[in-house]
Amino acid sequence: MTVTASAPGTTTAVEPAPPTARRVAYGLILTLAAIGLGVSGLPAPLYGLYETKWDLSPLTTTIVFAVYAVAALAAILIAGKVSDVVGRKPVLLVAGAGLIVGLIVFMTAQDVAMLLIARAIHGLSVGSIVVASAAALLDLRPNHGARSGQLTGVVFNVGMAIAISGSALLAQYVSEPLLTPYAVVSVICLLALIGIALLDETHLERQPTKIRIAKPAVPPAIRGDFWFAALGVMASWSVLGVLLSLYPTLASTSTHIHNLAFGGAVVATTAATAAVAQFFGSAFTPRTSAIIGDVGMAVALGLSIPAINSHQWGWIVAAAVLLGGTFGLGFGGSIRHLSHVVPESARGETMSAYYLLAYTSMAVPTILAGWAATEWGLERIFPWFAAATAVACVIAAVLGMRRR
């Protein structure tokens, strides 16, 4: 890739890379995105160990998880504009380095404060990777936005499934369970970071400008479509927050299988099934996929209650599979639908509003569930959480059918 010099304050033009280089860059950026989301779910099977080691309450565990969501939201609101000004590659390199720093903090953590710091660093890093990688993929294949969005959703869930199951297996069967998983993933992050460092910049034309936080706003003409998509992601990400913070402990307590590999497998199964559903969900229109997913999540949440109460691991895994598949359809359809209807001129502010609601719905219900679990017990409050979230899913589906 050849850079053309220009006078200060003017646009910098860069000759496009050859097709093979673009394909390699595309694959590496998708890989970094998968690793980033994998890191976000990596501690999920380990929270039970922290609770035992430091006598933590479910509320403390969910606060540790929620810090990630708040930090990721902050990064999402500004990282896109930063990458427009300085380029995608610098943002991805800094964010990738942040993943490694956060993992080192996890490895050396001696108290809850260090867990909070590690999760904040990872939230900032993953949020930046989500935004900058999405922009970089569009730079490389500007006419395949829908396909890139679909693949991004798939690799997010694949990365999470591999990281969670791998973390659980290492913690269960290898020495130093609170060190080894983070060390292994640190090496993987370093290799990915070296690959990104060798790539050329994908943002071919940049105009120096001020960096501002993207202000959330929704054009009046698409507000109905926006709330249909937003309610779907709010309901699905509420489920995701509890799945990643409390569900492994709930599954182990219900079945009396106190094996980290089992708790990790339950959550990893949900993520893997979501990836498969998102991959094949393009066979439906975005609205249809979202409606099917919203209704399906409501049904899956309802069935998860007797599954947990059965104390049978087979029923719990089956409920996780159904929940993952419907989550994939609901979330994937919602984001595809919103991307289809939002005007290009309002894309930044609309997506900021979308992710503001998404990450808020991940953090707030998770903290509330943790507080209630601390007060009354996790098994007692889970049915109420599932029922409330199922109602939100149904409302989203009804709104989508009315907008049809």
Protein backbone atom coordinates (compact mmCIF):
# COMPACT_ATOMS: atom_id res chain seq x y z
CA MET A 1 0.00 0.00 0.00
CA THR A 2 1.50 3.35 -1.09
CA VAL A 3 0.87 6.59 0.79
CA THR A 4 0.60 9.83 -1.17
CA ALA A 5 2.02 12.86 0.66
CA SER A 6 -0.20 15.88 1.11
CA ALA A 7 -0.03 19.31 2.63
CA PRO A 8 -0.87 19.70 6.32
CA GLY A 9 -4.61 19.89 7.00
CA THR A 10 -5.61 18.19 3.75
CA THR A 11 -6.94 14.72 3.03
CA THR A 12 -4.37 11.92 2.92
CA ALA A 13 -4.88 9.57 -0.02
CA VAL A 14 -3.64 5.99 0.09
CA GLU A 15 -3.57 3.55 -2.78
CA PRO A 16 -5.72 0.46 -2.12
CA ALA A 17 -4.00 -2.75 -1.09
CA PRO A 18 -4.09 -5.73 -3.48
CA PRO A 19 -7.01 -8.21 -3.10
CA THR A 20 -4.93 -10.86 -1.30
CA ALA A 21 -3.72 -8.33 1.28
CA ARG A 22 -7.30 -7.15 1.84
CA ARG A 23 -8.47 -10.72 2.42
CA VAL A 24 -5.70 -11.32 4.96
CA ALA A 25 -6.48 -8.03 6.71
CA TYR A 26 -10.20 -8.87 6.75
CA GLY A 27 -9.54 -12.23 8.39
CA LEU A 28 -7.11 -10.82 10.96
CA ILE A 29 -9.49 -8.05 11.98
CA LEU A 30 -12.34 -10.55 12.39
CA THR A 31 -9.99 -12.70 14.48
CA LEU A 32 -9.12 -9.78 16.76
CA ALA A 33 -12.83 -9.06 17.18
CA ALA A 34 -13.44 -12.69 18.18
CA ILE A 35 -10.54 -12.57 20.66
CA GLY A 36 -11.83 -9.32 22.16
CA LEU A 37 -15.30 -10.74 22.82
CA GLY A 38 -13.70 -13.94 24.04
CA VAL A 39 -11.73 -11.96 26.62
CA SER A 40 -14.97 -10.28 27.74
CA GLY A 41 -16.44 -13.69 28.64
CA LEU A 42 -13.21 -15.32 29.83
CA PRO A 43 -13.78 -14.77 33.60
CA ALA A 44 -17.37 -16.10 33.52
CA PRO A 45 -16.56 -19.66 34.72
CA LEU A 46 -14.08 -18.28 37.27
CA TYR A 47 -16.39 -15.99 39.22
CA GLY A 48 -17.37 -18.89 41.47
CA LEU A 49 -13.70 -19.35 42.41
CA TYR A 50 -13.37 -15.68 43.27
CA GLU A 51 -16.55 -15.88 45.36
CA THR A 52 -15.14 -18.82 47.32
CA LYS A 53 -11.62 -17.44 47.64
CA TRP A 54 -12.63 -13.94 48.79
CA ASP A 55 -16.11 -14.73 50.16
CA LEU A 56 -17.82 -12.49 47.60
CA SER A 57 -21.58 -12.04 47.36
CA PRO A 58 -23.50 -12.37 44.05
CA LEU A 59 -23.98 -8.58 44.16
CA THR A 60 -20.21 -8.02 44.19
CA THR A 61 -19.79 -10.45 41.29
CA THR A 62 -22.38 -8.65 39.17
CA ILE A 63 -20.86 -5.25 39.94
CA VAL A 64 -17.50 -6.56 38.69
CA PHE A 65 -19.24 -7.69 35.52
CA ALA A 66 -21.22 -4.45 35.10
CA VAL A 67 -18.07 -2.31 35.22
CA TYR A 68 -17.11 -3.90 31.92
CA ALA A 69 -20.39 -2.83 30.31
CA VAL A 70 -20.07 0.78 31.48
CA ALA A 71 -16.47 1.05 30.25
CA ALA A 72 -17.34 -0.56 26.92
CA LEU A 73 -20.14 1.94 26.39
CA ALA A 74 -17.77 4.84 27.06
CA ALA A 75 -15.35 3.47 24.46
CA ILE A 76 -18.08 2.93 21.89
CA LEU A 77 -19.20 6.56 22.13
CA ILE A 78 -15.77 7.92 21.23
CA ALA A 79 -13.66 5.20 19.56
CA GLY A 80 -15.39 5.51 16.20
CA LYS A 81 -14.56 9.19 15.87
CA VAL A 82 -11.01 8.60 17.08
CA SER A 83 -10.50 5.95 14.38
CA ASP A 84 -11.85 8.36 11.76
CA VAL A 85 -9.17 10.88 12.73
CA VAL A 86 -6.09 8.78 13.53
CA GLY A 87 -6.96 5.61 11.61
CA ARG A 88 -8.29 2.16 12.48
CA LYS A 89 -4.90 0.51 13.02
CA PRO A 90 -3.72 2.71 15.93
CA VAL A 91 -7.04 2.22 17.73
CA LEU A 92 -6.90 -1.56 17.24
CA LEU A 93 -3.28 -1.72 18.41
CA VAL A 94 -3.94 0.29 21.58
CA ALA A 95 -7.11 -1.70 22.30
CA GLY A 96 -5.30 -5.00 21.71
CA ALA A 97 -2.56 -3.93 24.09
CA GLY A 98 -5.29 -3.06 26.60
CA LEU A 99 -6.57 -6.64 26.42
CA ILE A 100 -3.13 -7.89 27.49
CA VAL A 101 -2.79 -5.30 30.26
CA GLY A 102 -6.21 -6.26 31.64
CA LEU A 103 -5.26 -9.95 31.58
CA ILE A 104 -2.06 -9.18 33.50
CA VAL A 105 -4.11 -7.32 36.13
CA PHE A 106 -6.36 -10.39 36.42
CA MET A 107 -3.32 -12.63 36.88
CA THR A 108 -1.94 -10.45 39.68
CA ALA A 109 -5.29 -9.61 41.33
CA GLN A 110 -5.26 -9.77 45.12
CA ASP A 111 -8.63 -8.19 45.82
CA VAL A 112 -11.91 -7.05 44.26
CA ALA A 113 -10.52 -3.60 43.42
CA MET A 114 -8.06 -5.18 40.98
CA LEU A 115 -10.86 -7.18 39.37
CA LEU A 116 -12.77 -3.94 38.85
CA ILE A 117 -9.70 -2.33 37.26
CA ALA A 118 -9.17 -5.33 34.98
CA ARG A 119 -12.80 -5.34 33.84
CA ALA A 120 -12.74 -1.58 33.22
CA ILE A 121 -9.63 -1.94 31.05
CA HIS A 122 -11.23 -4.78 29.13
CA GLY A 123 -14.45 -2.82 28.68
CA LEU A 124 -12.56 0.11 27.16
CA SER A 125 -10.50 -2.23 24.98
CA VAL A 126 -13.35 -4.42 23.72
CA GLY A 127 -15.62 -1.43 23.08
CA SER A 128 -12.88 0.16 20.99
CA ILE A 129 -12.27 -3.08 19.09
CA VAL A 130 -16.00 -3.49 18.34
CA VAL A 131 -16.24 -0.02 16.79
CA ALA A 132 -12.85 0.18 15.05
CA SER A 133 -13.04 -3.35 13.64
CA ALA A 134 -16.53 -2.75 12.25
CA ALA A 135 -15.28 0.42 10.55
CA ALA A 136 -12.16 -1.35 9.24
CA LEU A 137 -14.21 -4.18 7.75
CA LEU A 138 -16.35 -1.62 5.92
CA ASP A 139 -13.17 0.07 4.69
CA LEU A 140 -12.01 -3.23 3.21
CA ARG A 141 -15.38 -4.29 1.77
CA PRO A 142 -17.57 -1.19 1.52
CA ASN A 143 -20.23 -2.95 -0.56
CA HIS A 144 -20.67 -5.89 1.82
CA GLY A 145 -21.80 -4.17 5.01
CA ALA A 146 -24.59 -6.65 5.77
CA ARG A 147 -22.28 -9.63 5.28
CA SER A 148 -19.59 -8.06 7.46
CA GLY A 149 -22.16 -7.37 10.18
CA GLN A 150 -23.34 -10.97 10.06
CA LEU A 151 -19.81 -12.38 10.22
CA THR A 152 -18.94 -10.03 13.08
CA GLY A 153 -21.89 -11.30 15.10
CA VAL A 154 -20.89 -14.89 14.39
CA VAL A 155 -17.23 -14.46 15.38
CA PHE A 156 -18.24 -12.57 18.53
CA ASN A 157 -20.18 -15.59 19.74
CA VAL A 158 -17.61 -18.11 18.50
CA GLY A 159 -14.87 -16.24 20.34
CA MET A 160 -16.94 -16.14 23.49
CA ALA A 161 -17.81 -19.85 23.29
CA ILE A 162 -14.17 -20.90 22.81
CA ALA A 163 -12.87 -18.58 25.54
CA ILE A 164 -15.46 -19.59 28.13
CA SER A 165 -15.14 -23.34 27.52
CA GLY A 166 -11.34 -23.13 27.35
CA SER A 167 -11.18 -21.05 30.52
CA ALA A 168 -13.37 -23.53 32.38
CA LEU A 169 -11.34 -26.56 31.22
CA LEU A 170 -8.01 -24.97 32.11
CA ALA A 171 -9.27 -23.82 35.51
CA GLN A 172 -10.65 -27.26 36.30
CA TYR A 173 -7.81 -29.48 35.14
CA VAL A 174 -4.64 -27.33 35.16
CA SER A 175 -2.80 -25.90 38.14
CA GLU A 176 -3.25 -22.24 39.05
CA PRO A 177 -6.88 -21.87 37.86
CA LEU A 178 -6.86 -18.10 38.41
CA LEU A 179 -3.63 -17.67 36.46
CA THR A 180 -3.35 -20.22 33.63
CA PRO A 181 -6.45 -19.21 31.56
CA TYR A 182 -5.36 -15.56 31.49
CA ALA A 183 -1.76 -16.47 30.62
CA VAL A 184 -2.80 -18.64 27.68
CA VAL A 185 -5.12 -15.99 26.26
CA SER A 186 -2.43 -13.32 26.74
CA VAL A 187 -0.19 -15.23 24.34
CA ILE A 188 -3.04 -15.49 21.81
CA CYS A 189 -3.69 -11.74 22.12
CA LEU A 190 -0.01 -11.00 21.58
CA LEU A 191 0.07 -13.07 18.38
CA ALA A 192 -3.04 -11.31 17.06
CA LEU A 193 -1.54 -7.94 17.95
CA ILE A 194 1.62 -8.74 15.98
CA GLY A 195 -0.55 -9.60 12.98
CA ILE A 196 -2.45 -6.31 13.23
CA ALA A 197 0.84 -4.39 13.54
CA LEU A 198 1.99 -5.85 10.21
CA LEU A 199 -1.17 -4.73 8.38
CA ASP A 200 -1.49 -1.53 6.41
CA GLU A 201 -3.97 1.12 7.49
CA THR A 202 -7.46 0.43 6.11
CA HIS A 203 -8.87 3.95 6.46
CA LEU A 204 -7.69 5.29 3.12
CA GLU A 205 -8.82 8.90 3.41
CA ARG A 206 -8.75 10.88 6.64
CA GLN A 207 -9.61 14.49 7.29
CA PRO A 208 -8.22 16.07 10.49
CA THR A 209 -11.08 17.17 12.73
CA LYS A 210 -12.04 17.48 16.37
CA ILE A 211 -12.78 14.31 18.29
CA ARG A 212 -16.20 14.46 19.89
CA ILE A 213 -18.35 11.99 21.79
CA ALA A 214 -21.15 10.68 19.59
CA LYS A 215 -24.38 12.12 21.02
CA PRO A 216 -27.20 9.54 21.12
CA ALA A 217 -30.20 10.58 19.02
CA VAL A 218 -32.83 8.93 16.84
CA PRO A 219 -34.40 10.47 13.70
CA PRO A 220 -38.19 10.84 14.17
CA ALA A 221 -38.91 8.93 10.96
CA ILE A 222 -37.44 5.65 12.27
CA ARG A 223 -38.34 5.82 15.96
CA GLY A 224 -40.81 2.95 15.72
CA ASP A 225 -38.23 0.75 14.00
CA PHE A 226 -35.60 1.89 16.49
CA TRP A 227 -37.64 0.89 19.53
CA PHE A 228 -38.44 -2.46 17.96
CA ALA A 229 -34.71 -3.13 17.54
CA ALA A 230 -33.77 -1.55 20.87
CA LEU A 231 -36.28 -3.53 22.95
CA GLY A 232 -35.01 -6.72 21.35
CA VAL A 233 -31.38 -5.98 22.17
CA MET A 234 -32.25 -4.75 25.68
CA ALA A 235 -34.04 -8.00 26.47
CA SER A 236 -31.37 -10.21 24.90
CA TRP A 237 -28.44 -8.40 26.52
CA SER A 238 -30.15 -8.53 29.91
CA VAL A 239 -30.10 -12.30 29.52
CA LEU A 240 -26.48 -12.17 28.35
CA GLY A 241 -25.40 -10.23 31.44
CA VAL A 242 -26.87 -12.75 33.85
CA LEU A 243 -25.63 -15.68 31.76
CA LEU A 244 -22.04 -14.47 31.95
CA SER A 245 -22.03 -13.43 35.61
CA LEU A 246 -24.38 -15.74 37.54
CA TYR A 247 -25.64 -18.57 35.35
CA PRO A 248 -22.61 -20.91 35.67
CA THR A 249 -22.99 -20.81 39.45
CA LEU A 250 -26.76 -21.31 39.17
CA ALA A 251 -26.36 -24.34 36.88
CA SER A 252 -23.77 -25.93 39.17
CA THR A 253 -25.82 -25.29 42.30
CA SER A 254 -29.00 -26.68 40.74
CA THR A 255 -27.38 -29.90 39.46
CA HIS A 256 -24.85 -30.28 42.32
CA ILE A 257 -22.19 -30.65 39.61
CA HIS A 258 -19.44 -28.47 41.06
CA ASN A 259 -17.17 -28.81 38.08
CA LEU A 260 -16.00 -25.63 36.38
CA ALA A 261 -16.03 -27.35 33.01
CA PHE A 262 -19.77 -27.98 33.35
CA GLY A 263 -20.67 -24.39 34.22
CA GLY A 264 -18.48 -23.11 31.40
CA ALA A 265 -19.97 -25.62 28.96
CA VAL A 266 -23.51 -24.41 29.68
CA VAL A 267 -22.67 -20.80 28.83
CA ALA A 268 -20.39 -21.76 25.94
CA THR A 269 -23.20 -23.84 24.46
CA THR A 270 -25.46 -20.79 24.51
CA ALA A 271 -22.84 -18.68 22.72
CA ALA A 272 -22.05 -21.37 20.14
CA THR A 273 -25.72 -21.90 19.33
CA ALA A 274 -26.16 -18.13 18.98
CA ALA A 275 -23.31 -18.08 16.45
CA VAL A 276 -24.96 -20.81 14.37
CA ALA A 277 -28.33 -19.02 14.51
CA GLN A 278 -26.79 -15.72 13.42
CA PHE A 279 -24.99 -17.40 10.53
CA PHE A 280 -28.14 -19.01 9.16
CA GLY A 281 -30.46 -16.19 10.26
CA SER A 282 -29.79 -14.31 7.04
CA ALA A 283 -32.24 -16.68 5.38
CA PHE A 284 -34.96 -14.56 7.02
CA THR A 285 -35.57 -10.87 6.59
CA PRO A 286 -34.11 -8.85 9.49
CA ARG A 287 -37.56 -8.06 10.93
CA THR A 288 -38.75 -11.67 10.68
CA SER A 289 -35.55 -12.95 12.27
CA ALA A 290 -35.87 -10.45 15.12
CA ILE A 291 -39.55 -11.30 15.76
CA ILE A 292 -38.86 -15.05 15.75
CA GLY A 293 -35.92 -14.51 18.06
CA ASP A 294 -37.85 -12.27 20.47
CA VAL A 295 -40.75 -14.72 20.74
CA GLY A 296 -38.33 -17.63 20.97
CA MET A 297 -36.36 -15.99 23.78
CA ALA A 298 -39.58 -15.49 25.75
CA VAL A 299 -40.39 -19.19 25.33
CA ALA A 300 -36.82 -20.25 26.14
CA LEU A 301 -36.76 -18.12 29.29
CA GLY A 302 -40.05 -19.64 30.38
CA LEU A 303 -38.70 -23.15 29.82
CA SER A 304 -35.46 -22.38 31.63
CA ILE A 305 -37.36 -22.10 34.92
CA PRO A 306 -38.58 -25.73 35.04
CA ALA A 307 -35.20 -26.79 33.59
CA ILE A 308 -33.38 -25.23 36.56
CA ASN A 309 -35.96 -26.63 38.98
CA SER A 310 -35.56 -30.12 37.51
CA HIS A 311 -31.94 -30.22 38.79
CA GLN A 312 -31.11 -32.28 35.68
CA TRP A 313 -28.09 -31.19 33.67
CA GLY A 314 -29.61 -32.43 30.40
CA TRP A 315 -32.64 -30.13 30.68
CA ILE A 316 -30.44 -27.19 31.69
CA VAL A 317 -28.19 -27.68 28.64
CA ALA A 318 -31.24 -28.07 26.38
CA ALA A 319 -32.65 -24.78 27.69
CA ALA A 320 -29.26 -23.13 27.09
CA VAL A 321 -29.26 -24.36 23.47
CA LEU A 322 -32.75 -22.99 22.85
CA LEU A 323 -31.91 -19.71 24.53
CA GLY A 324 -28.72 -19.34 22.48
CA GLY A 325 -30.45 -20.02 19.17
CA THR A 326 -33.24 -17.56 19.81
CA PHE A 327 -30.79 -15.00 21.20
CA GLY A 328 -28.79 -15.22 17.98
CA LEU A 329 -31.88 -14.69 15.82
CA GLY A 330 -33.22 -11.88 18.00
CA PHE A 331 -30.02 -9.89 18.37
CA GLY A 332 -28.82 -10.52 14.82
CA GLY A 333 -32.19 -9.61 13.32
CA SER A 334 -32.49 -6.47 15.44
CA ILE A 335 -29.11 -5.07 14.47
CA ARG A 336 -29.61 -5.96 10.79
CA HIS A 337 -33.04 -4.31 10.79
CA LEU A 338 -31.79 -1.11 12.37
CA SER A 339 -28.79 -0.97 10.03
CA HIS A 340 -31.18 -1.29 7.09
CA VAL A 341 -33.51 1.58 8.06
CA VAL A 342 -31.16 4.13 9.65
CA PRO A 343 -30.17 7.02 7.33
CA GLU A 344 -26.43 7.16 6.61
CA SER A 345 -26.28 10.75 7.83
CA ALA A 346 -27.62 9.70 11.26
CA ARG A 347 -25.84 6.37 11.62
CA GLY A 348 -23.38 7.42 14.32
CA GLU A 349 -25.86 9.07 16.68
CA THR A 350 -28.49 6.34 16.17
CA MET A 351 -26.07 3.49 16.87
CA SER A 352 -24.82 5.39 19.91
CA ALA A 353 -28.38 5.46 21.25
CA TYR A 354 -28.78 1.77 20.39
CA TYR A 355 -25.65 0.67 22.26
CA LEU A 356 -26.37 3.03 25.14
CA LEU A 357 -29.60 1.11 25.76
CA ALA A 358 -27.91 -2.24 25.07
CA TYR A 359 -25.09 -1.82 27.58
CA THR A 360 -27.37 -0.20 30.15
CA SER A 361 -29.70 -3.19 29.89
CA MET A 362 -26.71 -5.48 30.36
CA ALA A 363 -25.42 -3.68 33.45
CA VAL A 364 -28.52 -2.58 35.38
CA PRO A 365 -30.57 -5.83 35.38
CA THR A 366 -27.40 -7.80 36.13
CA ILE A 367 -26.68 -5.69 39.21
CA LEU A 368 -30.33 -5.92 40.32
CA ALA A 369 -30.23 -9.69 39.88
CA GLY A 370 -27.01 -9.84 41.90
CA TRP A 371 -28.52 -7.74 44.70
CA ALA A 372 -31.67 -9.86 44.79
CA ALA A 373 -29.62 -13.08 44.76
CA THR A 374 -27.61 -11.78 47.71
CA GLU A 375 -30.82 -11.03 49.62
CA TRP A 376 -32.98 -14.04 48.73
CA GLY A 377 -30.82 -16.56 46.90
CA LEU A 378 -30.09 -17.06 43.20
CA GLU A 379 -32.49 -19.95 42.61
CA ARG A 380 -35.37 -18.00 44.15
CA ILE A 381 -34.94 -14.80 42.13
CA PHE A 382 -34.10 -16.39 38.76
CA PRO A 383 -37.75 -17.16 37.84
CA TRP A 384 -38.71 -13.53 38.44
CA PHE A 385 -35.84 -12.28 36.32
CA ALA A 386 -36.68 -14.73 33.53
CA ALA A 387 -40.35 -13.75 33.60
CA ALA A 388 -39.63 -10.00 33.47
CA THR A 389 -37.20 -10.40 30.58
CA ALA A 390 -39.64 -12.66 28.71
CA VAL A 391 -42.28 -9.92 28.93
CA ALA A 392 -39.81 -7.44 27.39
CA CYS A 393 -39.15 -9.91 24.56
CA VAL A 394 -42.86 -10.26 23.85
CA ILE A 395 -43.34 -6.47 23.81
CA ALA A 396 -40.50 -6.15 21.28
CA ALA A 397 -42.06 -8.85 19.08
CA VAL A 398 -45.51 -7.22 19.22
CA LEU A 399 -44.04 -3.84 18.31
CA GLY A 400 -42.25 -5.43 15.38
CA MET A 401 -45.42 -7.10 14.10
CA ARG A 402 -47.37 -3.86 14.42
CA ARG A 403 -44.70 -1.97 12.47
CA ARG A 404 -44.94 -4.53 9.66
